[in-house]
Amino acid sequence: MGTAGARFMVAKQVAASGGLYIEEGDTRMSLDPGPGAIVQYAQRGIDLTTLDAIVVSHRHLDHAGDLNVMVEGMTDGGFAHRGMVFCPSDALDDDPVMLKYLRRFPREIVRLAPETSYTVGDIAFTTSGRHVHQVETYGFRFGNRLGWVTDSAYYDGIAQQHRADVMVLHTILLHCRPDLPHLCVADVERIIRDAEPKLAFLTHYGMTVWRADPAAIAADLTQRTGVEVRAATDGLSIDL
């Protein structure tokens, strides 16, 4: 639903910023519905009232900007008491991104905890340890098939916590910056080498990565690591 990461890519909509969408059996899940997610879902013909869950990795706007309108869509404007919302506690408490009047609409709101497993219908997922980021943040692993490394500085164990056949890595920075707790290309290479997935996708690009051409970066990483690495594009769909 979009590959834009960080404020400038999102604010300028250089690429879309609608997050990810997963279907498994009869279960449908929206992950990190950033700004414009509602538009991306509509353009792709996905009926929001068929969603079973919305999962937010952390409360930054590029990951949760459309959370409220997506909740309204999932619950048919609040008239259908259905669906679940998973998010860190600080997305609900001190500086919440989910409006209070909406909280009675979903069937359940779940506060995420580190290294904990959850199930929604046909989809099971496990949180990583808490990421190194400005706010409470978790990555996710969907069995052995999909590992999703969302925003974080590199930390020991990040590769093992997300290891799966297919990995999606948020690649914000071209070069590492100690003052910005995000993955750079060198961090992503290290994770791919340690986790050894069958296939890795770069996404959630920062402006420096975008200008350097994500496809070229992916091709270089493929050659350097021996793992197939691809650059995600808006609207990309894969069958796991």
C-alpha atoms as a PDB file:
ATOM      1  CA  MET A   1       0.000   0.000   0.000  1.00  0.00           C
ATOM      2  CA  GLY A   2       3.040   2.277  -0.225  1.00  0.00           C
ATOM      3  CA  THR A   3       6.813   2.480   0.171  1.00  0.00           C
ATOM      4  CA  ALA A   4       7.394   6.009   1.516  1.00  0.00           C
ATOM      5  CA  GLY A   5       9.199   6.356   4.828  1.00  0.00           C
ATOM      6  CA  ALA A   6      10.169   9.356   6.937  1.00  0.00           C
ATOM      7  CA  ARG A   7       8.563  12.771   7.000  1.00  0.00           C
ATOM      8  CA  PHE A   8       9.741  14.314   3.729  1.00  0.00           C
ATOM      9  CA  MET A   9       8.898  11.315   1.549  1.00  0.00           C
ATOM     10  CA  VAL A  10       5.468  11.141   3.180  1.00  0.00           C
ATOM     11  CA  ALA A  11       4.722  14.884   3.223  1.00  0.00           C
ATOM     12  CA  LYS A  12       5.577  15.227  -0.454  1.00  0.00           C
ATOM     13  CA  GLN A  13       3.987  11.852  -1.343  1.00  0.00           C
ATOM     14  CA  VAL A  14       6.992  11.051  -3.497  1.00  0.00           C
ATOM     15  CA  ALA A  15       5.738   7.508  -2.955  1.00  0.00           C
ATOM     16  CA  ALA A  16       2.551   6.305  -1.286  1.00  0.00           C
ATOM     17  CA  SER A  17       2.526   5.737   2.488  1.00  0.00           C
ATOM     18  CA  GLY A  18      -0.299   3.291   3.147  1.00  0.00           C
ATOM     19  CA  GLY A  19       1.602   0.510   4.919  1.00  0.00           C
ATOM     20  CA  LEU A  20       1.098  -3.224   4.331  1.00  0.00           C
ATOM     21  CA  TYR A  21      -1.902  -5.496   3.850  1.00  0.00           C
ATOM     22  CA  ILE A  22      -2.042  -9.243   4.520  1.00  0.00           C
ATOM     23  CA  GLU A  23      -4.599 -11.873   3.565  1.00  0.00           C
ATOM     24  CA  GLU A  24      -4.496 -15.414   4.894  1.00  0.00           C
ATOM     25  CA  GLY A  25      -7.497 -17.681   4.415  1.00  0.00           C
ATOM     26  CA  ASP A  26     -10.525 -15.649   5.446  1.00  0.00           C
ATOM     27  CA  THR A  27      -8.523 -13.166   7.547  1.00  0.00           C
ATOM     28  CA  ARG A  28      -7.525  -9.670   6.431  1.00  0.00           C
ATOM     29  CA  MET A  29      -5.122  -7.395   8.281  1.00  0.00           C
ATOM     30  CA  SER A  30      -3.899  -3.841   7.783  1.00  0.00           C
ATOM     31  CA  LEU A  31      -0.403  -3.026   9.023  1.00  0.00           C
ATOM     32  CA  ASP A  32       0.742   0.530   9.775  1.00  0.00           C
ATOM     33  CA  PRO A  33      -1.910   2.533   7.881  1.00  0.00           C
ATOM     34  CA  GLY A  34       0.060   5.703   7.234  1.00  0.00           C
ATOM     35  CA  PRO A  35      -1.213   8.877   5.544  1.00  0.00           C
ATOM     36  CA  GLY A  36      -3.280   8.044   2.467  1.00  0.00           C
ATOM     37  CA  ALA A  37      -3.938   4.420   3.420  1.00  0.00           C
ATOM     38  CA  ILE A  38      -7.690   4.950   3.050  1.00  0.00           C
ATOM     39  CA  VAL A  39      -7.120   6.082  -0.549  1.00  0.00           C
ATOM     40  CA  GLN A  40      -4.759   3.208  -1.387  1.00  0.00           C
ATOM     41  CA  TYR A  41      -7.243   0.624  -0.101  1.00  0.00           C
ATOM     42  CA  ALA A  42     -10.088   2.217  -2.065  1.00  0.00           C
ATOM     43  CA  GLN A  43      -8.040   2.325  -5.264  1.00  0.00           C
ATOM     44  CA  ARG A  44      -7.251  -1.365  -4.911  1.00  0.00           C
ATOM     45  CA  GLY A  45     -10.860  -2.324  -4.284  1.00  0.00           C
ATOM     46  CA  ILE A  46     -10.430  -3.565  -0.709  1.00  0.00           C
ATOM     47  CA  ASP A  47     -13.599  -3.224   1.351  1.00  0.00           C
ATOM     48  CA  LEU A  48     -12.507  -1.996   4.782  1.00  0.00           C
ATOM     49  CA  THR A  49     -15.508  -3.647   6.423  1.00  0.00           C
ATOM     50  CA  THR A  50     -13.844  -6.983   5.624  1.00  0.00           C
ATOM     51  CA  LEU A  51     -10.776  -6.131   7.746  1.00  0.00           C
ATOM     52  CA  ASP A  52     -10.328  -8.261  10.844  1.00  0.00           C
ATOM     53  CA  ALA A  53      -7.501  -6.299  12.434  1.00  0.00           C
ATOM     54  CA  ILE A  54      -5.355  -3.189  12.222  1.00  0.00           C
ATOM     55  CA  VAL A  55      -1.826  -3.488  13.594  1.00  0.00           C
ATOM     56  CA  VAL A  56       0.333  -0.451  14.394  1.00  0.00           C
ATOM     57  CA  SER A  57       4.047  -0.926  15.048  1.00  0.00           C
ATOM     58  CA  HIS A  58       4.426   2.525  16.619  1.00  0.00           C
ATOM     59  CA  ARG A  59       2.631   5.834  16.870  1.00  0.00           C
ATOM     60  CA  HIS A  60       4.600   7.975  14.414  1.00  0.00           C
ATOM     61  CA  LEU A  61       2.425   9.572  11.741  1.00  0.00           C
ATOM     62  CA  ASP A  62       4.016   7.773   8.795  1.00  0.00           C
ATOM     63  CA  HIS A  63       2.805   4.544  10.424  1.00  0.00           C
ATOM     64  CA  ALA A  64      -0.491   5.594  12.010  1.00  0.00           C
ATOM     65  CA  GLY A  65      -1.717   8.708  10.207  1.00  0.00           C
ATOM     66  CA  ASP A  66      -4.850   7.002   8.853  1.00  0.00           C
ATOM     67  CA  LEU A  67      -5.494   4.761  11.853  1.00  0.00           C
ATOM     68  CA  ASN A  68      -8.683   6.512  12.928  1.00  0.00           C
ATOM     69  CA  VAL A  69     -10.392   6.560   9.545  1.00  0.00           C
ATOM     70  CA  MET A  70      -9.349   2.942   8.983  1.00  0.00           C
ATOM     71  CA  VAL A  71     -10.980   1.998  12.300  1.00  0.00           C
ATOM     72  CA  GLU A  72     -14.160   3.746  11.185  1.00  0.00           C
ATOM     73  CA  GLY A  73     -14.030   1.833   7.908  1.00  0.00           C
ATOM     74  CA  MET A  74     -13.407  -1.525   9.579  1.00  0.00           C
ATOM     75  CA  THR A  75     -16.352  -1.008  11.937  1.00  0.00           C
ATOM     76  CA  ASP A  76     -18.710   0.432   9.322  1.00  0.00           C
ATOM     77  CA  GLY A  77     -18.624   3.838  10.953  1.00  0.00           C
ATOM     78  CA  GLY A  78     -18.997   2.315  14.410  1.00  0.00           C
ATOM     79  CA  PHE A  79     -22.300   0.599  13.626  1.00  0.00           C
ATOM     80  CA  ALA A  80     -20.612  -2.833  13.528  1.00  0.00           C
ATOM     81  CA  HIS A  81     -18.815  -3.751  16.743  1.00  0.00           C
ATOM     82  CA  ARG A  82     -16.091  -5.788  15.069  1.00  0.00           C
ATOM     83  CA  GLY A  83     -12.399  -6.109  14.379  1.00  0.00           C
ATOM     84  CA  MET A  84      -9.322  -5.714  16.544  1.00  0.00           C
ATOM     85  CA  VAL A  85      -6.675  -3.005  16.917  1.00  0.00           C
ATOM     86  CA  PHE A  86      -3.157  -3.932  18.056  1.00  0.00           C
ATOM     87  CA  CYS A  87      -0.800  -1.126  19.067  1.00  0.00           C
ATOM     88  CA  PRO A  88       1.810  -0.155  21.662  1.00  0.00           C
ATOM     89  CA  SER A  89       0.497   1.352  24.884  1.00  0.00           C
ATOM     90  CA  ASP A  90       1.836   4.825  24.129  1.00  0.00           C
ATOM     91  CA  ALA A  91      -0.352   4.960  21.017  1.00  0.00           C
ATOM     92  CA  LEU A  92      -3.275   5.058  23.453  1.00  0.00           C
ATOM     93  CA  ASP A  93      -1.945   6.895  26.494  1.00  0.00           C
ATOM     94  CA  ASP A  94       0.325   9.937  26.852  1.00  0.00           C
ATOM     95  CA  ASP A  95       0.198  11.280  23.292  1.00  0.00           C
ATOM     96  CA  PRO A  96      -2.413   9.022  21.672  1.00  0.00           C
ATOM     97  CA  VAL A  97      -2.898   8.555  17.947  1.00  0.00           C
ATOM     98  CA  MET A  98      -6.202   6.688  18.351  1.00  0.00           C
ATOM     99  CA  LEU A  99      -9.074   9.002  19.219  1.00  0.00           C
ATOM    100  CA  LYS A 100     -10.987   8.134  22.363  1.00  0.00           C
ATOM    101  CA  TYR A 101     -14.446   8.251  20.810  1.00  0.00           C
ATOM    102  CA  LEU A 102     -13.406   5.482  18.399  1.00  0.00           C
ATOM    103  CA  ARG A 103     -12.219   3.065  21.045  1.00  0.00           C
ATOM    104  CA  ARG A 104     -15.639   1.529  21.604  1.00  0.00           C
ATOM    105  CA  PHE A 105     -15.980   0.710  17.894  1.00  0.00           C
ATOM    106  CA  PRO A 106     -13.602  -2.302  17.569  1.00  0.00           C
ATOM    107  CA  ARG A 107     -14.384  -5.565  19.283  1.00  0.00           C
ATOM    108  CA  GLU A 108     -11.056  -5.418  21.100  1.00  0.00           C
ATOM    109  CA  ILE A 109      -8.010  -3.175  21.500  1.00  0.00           C
ATOM    110  CA  VAL A 110      -4.811  -5.030  22.373  1.00  0.00           C
ATOM    111  CA  ARG A 111      -1.725  -3.368  23.839  1.00  0.00           C
ATOM    112  CA  LEU A 112       1.325  -4.995  22.290  1.00  0.00           C
ATOM    113  CA  ALA A 113       4.040  -6.472  24.489  1.00  0.00           C
ATOM    114  CA  PRO A 114       7.558  -7.553  23.505  1.00  0.00           C
ATOM    115  CA  GLU A 115       8.181 -11.105  22.297  1.00  0.00           C
ATOM    116  CA  THR A 116       4.518 -12.067  22.561  1.00  0.00           C
ATOM    117  CA  SER A 117       2.364 -14.121  20.177  1.00  0.00           C
ATOM    118  CA  TYR A 118      -1.092 -13.104  18.967  1.00  0.00           C
ATOM    119  CA  THR A 119      -3.699 -14.701  16.715  1.00  0.00           C
ATOM    120  CA  VAL A 120      -6.432 -13.171  14.579  1.00  0.00           C
ATOM    121  CA  GLY A 121      -8.422 -15.763  12.651  1.00  0.00           C
ATOM    122  CA  ASP A 122      -6.014 -17.490  10.276  1.00  0.00           C
ATOM    123  CA  ILE A 123      -3.107 -15.119  11.010  1.00  0.00           C
ATOM    124  CA  ALA A 124      -0.658 -15.633  13.861  1.00  0.00           C
ATOM    125  CA  PHE A 125       2.189 -13.235  14.578  1.00  0.00           C
ATOM    126  CA  THR A 126       4.852 -12.591  17.196  1.00  0.00           C
ATOM    127  CA  THR A 127       6.321  -9.272  18.281  1.00  0.00           C
ATOM    128  CA  SER A 128      10.047  -8.683  18.373  1.00  0.00           C
ATOM    129  CA  GLY A 129      11.786  -7.215  21.365  1.00  0.00           C
ATOM    130  CA  ARG A 130      11.283  -3.484  21.739  1.00  0.00           C
ATOM    131  CA  HIS A 131      13.028  -1.635  18.936  1.00  0.00           C
ATOM    132  CA  VAL A 132      15.565   1.122  19.451  1.00  0.00           C
ATOM    133  CA  HIS A 133      13.424   4.063  18.409  1.00  0.00           C
ATOM    134  CA  GLN A 134      12.036   7.319  19.807  1.00  0.00           C
ATOM    135  CA  VAL A 135       8.746   5.712  20.853  1.00  0.00           C
ATOM    136  CA  GLU A 136       7.549   2.229  21.830  1.00  0.00           C
ATOM    137  CA  THR A 137       8.032   0.159  18.673  1.00  0.00           C
ATOM    138  CA  TYR A 138       7.800  -3.504  17.706  1.00  0.00           C
ATOM    139  CA  GLY A 139       8.586  -5.510  14.605  1.00  0.00           C
ATOM    140  CA  PHE A 140       6.695  -8.665  13.692  1.00  0.00           C
ATOM    141  CA  ARG A 141       7.246 -12.212  12.506  1.00  0.00           C
ATOM    142  CA  PHE A 142       4.446 -14.192  10.860  1.00  0.00           C
ATOM    143  CA  GLY A 143       5.575 -17.742  11.476  1.00  0.00           C
ATOM    144  CA  ASN A 144       8.540 -18.718   9.341  1.00  0.00           C
ATOM    145  CA  ARG A 145       7.139 -17.048   6.244  1.00  0.00           C
ATOM    146  CA  LEU A 146       7.346 -13.306   6.846  1.00  0.00           C
ATOM    147  CA  GLY A 147       9.540 -11.090   8.996  1.00  0.00           C
ATOM    148  CA  TRP A 148       8.826  -7.365   9.114  1.00  0.00           C
ATOM    149  CA  VAL A 149      11.613  -5.129  10.411  1.00  0.00           C
ATOM    150  CA  THR A 150      10.025  -1.752  11.019  1.00  0.00           C
ATOM    151  CA  ASP A 151      11.756   1.457  12.161  1.00  0.00           C
ATOM    152  CA  SER A 152      14.694   0.964  14.523  1.00  0.00           C
ATOM    153  CA  ALA A 153      18.366   1.517  15.008  1.00  0.00           C
ATOM    154  CA  TYR A 154      20.380  -1.666  14.632  1.00  0.00           C
ATOM    155  CA  TYR A 155      20.643  -3.786  17.782  1.00  0.00           C
ATOM    156  CA  ASP A 156      22.017  -7.205  18.651  1.00  0.00           C
ATOM    157  CA  GLY A 157      19.388  -9.858  17.961  1.00  0.00           C
ATOM    158  CA  ILE A 158      17.336  -7.892  15.437  1.00  0.00           C
ATOM    159  CA  ALA A 159      18.081 -10.400  12.657  1.00  0.00           C
ATOM    160  CA  GLN A 160      17.156 -13.436  14.748  1.00  0.00           C
ATOM    161  CA  GLN A 161      13.936 -11.859  16.053  1.00  0.00           C
ATOM    162  CA  HIS A 162      12.641 -11.267  12.508  1.00  0.00           C
ATOM    163  CA  ARG A 163      14.187 -14.228  10.674  1.00  0.00           C
ATOM    164  CA  ALA A 164      11.830 -15.716   8.064  1.00  0.00           C
ATOM    165  CA  ASP A 165      11.791 -16.974   4.486  1.00  0.00           C
ATOM    166  CA  VAL A 166      10.738 -13.520   3.285  1.00  0.00           C
ATOM    167  CA  MET A 167      11.837 -10.385   5.122  1.00  0.00           C
ATOM    168  CA  VAL A 168      10.663  -6.812   4.677  1.00  0.00           C
ATOM    169  CA  LEU A 169      13.134  -4.218   5.925  1.00  0.00           C
ATOM    170  CA  HIS A 170      12.467  -0.522   6.434  1.00  0.00           C
ATOM    171  CA  THR A 171      15.420   1.185   4.798  1.00  0.00           C
ATOM    172  CA  ILE A 172      15.365   4.856   5.711  1.00  0.00           C
ATOM    173  CA  LEU A 173      19.004   5.925   5.502  1.00  0.00           C
ATOM    174  CA  LEU A 174      21.568   5.560   2.761  1.00  0.00           C
ATOM    175  CA  HIS A 175      24.388   6.103   5.269  1.00  0.00           C
ATOM    176  CA  CYS A 176      24.259   5.423   8.998  1.00  0.00           C
ATOM    177  CA  ARG A 177      23.656   8.359  11.336  1.00  0.00           C
ATOM    178  CA  PRO A 178      24.060   7.878  15.102  1.00  0.00           C
ATOM    179  CA  ASP A 179      21.585  10.693  15.762  1.00  0.00           C
ATOM    180  CA  LEU A 180      18.778   8.968  13.812  1.00  0.00           C
ATOM    181  CA  PRO A 181      17.494   5.620  15.165  1.00  0.00           C
ATOM    182  CA  HIS A 182      16.750   4.122  11.756  1.00  0.00           C
ATOM    183  CA  LEU A 183      18.320   1.398   9.648  1.00  0.00           C
ATOM    184  CA  CYS A 184      20.841   2.391   7.009  1.00  0.00           C
ATOM    185  CA  VAL A 185      21.822   0.271   4.017  1.00  0.00           C
ATOM    186  CA  ALA A 186      24.835  -1.158   5.894  1.00  0.00           C
ATOM    187  CA  ASP A 187      22.529  -2.208   8.768  1.00  0.00           C
ATOM    188  CA  VAL A 188      20.159  -3.871   6.314  1.00  0.00           C
ATOM    189  CA  GLU A 189      23.051  -5.762   4.724  1.00  0.00           C
ATOM    190  CA  ARG A 190      24.143  -7.012   8.147  1.00  0.00           C
ATOM    191  CA  ILE A 191      20.621  -8.198   8.992  1.00  0.00           C
ATOM    192  CA  ILE A 192      20.280 -10.000   5.664  1.00  0.00           C
ATOM    193  CA  ARG A 193      23.643 -11.722   6.119  1.00  0.00           C
ATOM    194  CA  ASP A 194      22.755 -12.851   9.651  1.00  0.00           C
ATOM    195  CA  ALA A 195      19.137 -13.907   8.952  1.00  0.00           C
ATOM    196  CA  GLU A 196      19.767 -15.478   5.525  1.00  0.00           C
ATOM    197  CA  PRO A 197      16.193 -15.192   4.198  1.00  0.00           C
ATOM    198  CA  LYS A 198      15.251 -16.681   0.863  1.00  0.00           C
ATOM    199  CA  LEU A 199      14.050 -13.263  -0.281  1.00  0.00           C
ATOM    200  CA  ALA A 200      14.363  -9.758   1.188  1.00  0.00           C
ATOM    201  CA  PHE A 201      12.446  -6.617   0.283  1.00  0.00           C
ATOM    202  CA  LEU A 202      13.593  -3.062   0.905  1.00  0.00           C
ATOM    203  CA  THR A 203      10.806  -0.561   1.595  1.00  0.00           C
ATOM    204  CA  HIS A 204       9.844   2.529   3.614  1.00  0.00           C
ATOM    205  CA  TYR A 205      12.489   4.576   1.866  1.00  0.00           C
ATOM    206  CA  GLY A 206      13.934   7.788   3.171  1.00  0.00           C
ATOM    207  CA  MET A 207      14.772  10.532   0.702  1.00  0.00           C
ATOM    208  CA  THR A 208      18.475   9.677   0.479  1.00  0.00           C
ATOM    209  CA  VAL A 209      17.671   6.064  -0.381  1.00  0.00           C
ATOM    210  CA  TRP A 210      15.065   7.158  -2.904  1.00  0.00           C
ATOM    211  CA  ARG A 211      17.500   9.474  -4.668  1.00  0.00           C
ATOM    212  CA  ALA A 212      20.122   6.717  -4.773  1.00  0.00           C
ATOM    213  CA  ASP A 213      17.612   4.388  -6.513  1.00  0.00           C
ATOM    214  CA  PRO A 214      16.279   1.555  -4.310  1.00  0.00           C
ATOM    215  CA  ALA A 215      16.424  -0.915  -7.233  1.00  0.00           C
ATOM    216  CA  ALA A 216      20.129  -0.266  -7.696  1.00  0.00           C
ATOM    217  CA  ILE A 217      20.732  -0.623  -3.945  1.00  0.00           C
ATOM    218  CA  ALA A 218      18.818  -3.921  -3.935  1.00  0.00           C
ATOM    219  CA  ALA A 219      20.818  -5.241  -6.889  1.00  0.00           C
ATOM    220  CA  ASP A 220      24.076  -4.362  -5.129  1.00  0.00           C
ATOM    221  CA  LEU A 221      22.918  -6.067  -1.915  1.00  0.00           C
ATOM    222  CA  THR A 222      21.992  -9.181  -3.892  1.00  0.00           C
ATOM    223  CA  GLN A 223      25.480  -9.361  -5.316  1.00  0.00           C
ATOM    224  CA  ARG A 224      27.154  -8.655  -1.974  1.00  0.00           C
ATOM    225  CA  THR A 225      25.097 -11.042   0.203  1.00  0.00           C
ATOM    226  CA  GLY A 226      24.128 -13.846  -2.176  1.00  0.00           C
ATOM    227  CA  VAL A 227      20.493 -13.390  -1.043  1.00  0.00           C
ATOM    228  CA  GLU A 228      17.867 -12.200  -3.506  1.00  0.00           C
ATOM    229  CA  VAL A 229      17.029  -8.618  -2.526  1.00  0.00           C
ATOM    230  CA  ARG A 230      14.332  -6.598  -4.248  1.00  0.00           C
ATOM    231  CA  ALA A 231      13.159  -3.018  -3.961  1.00  0.00           C
ATOM    232  CA  ALA A 232       9.457  -2.878  -3.118  1.00  0.00           C
ATOM    233  CA  THR A 233       7.239  -0.649  -5.233  1.00  0.00           C
ATOM    234  CA  ASP A 234       3.847   0.904  -4.480  1.00  0.00           C
ATOM    235  CA  GLY A 235       1.110  -1.669  -5.005  1.00  0.00           C
ATOM    236  CA  LEU A 236       3.503  -4.627  -4.996  1.00  0.00           C
ATOM    237  CA  SER A 237       1.731  -7.925  -4.223  1.00  0.00           C
ATOM    238  CA  ILE A 238       3.489 -11.189  -3.376  1.00  0.00           C
ATOM    239  CA  ASP A 239       2.223 -14.698  -2.625  1.00  0.00           C
ATOM    240  CA  LEU A 240       4.017 -16.324   0.279  1.00  0.00           C
END
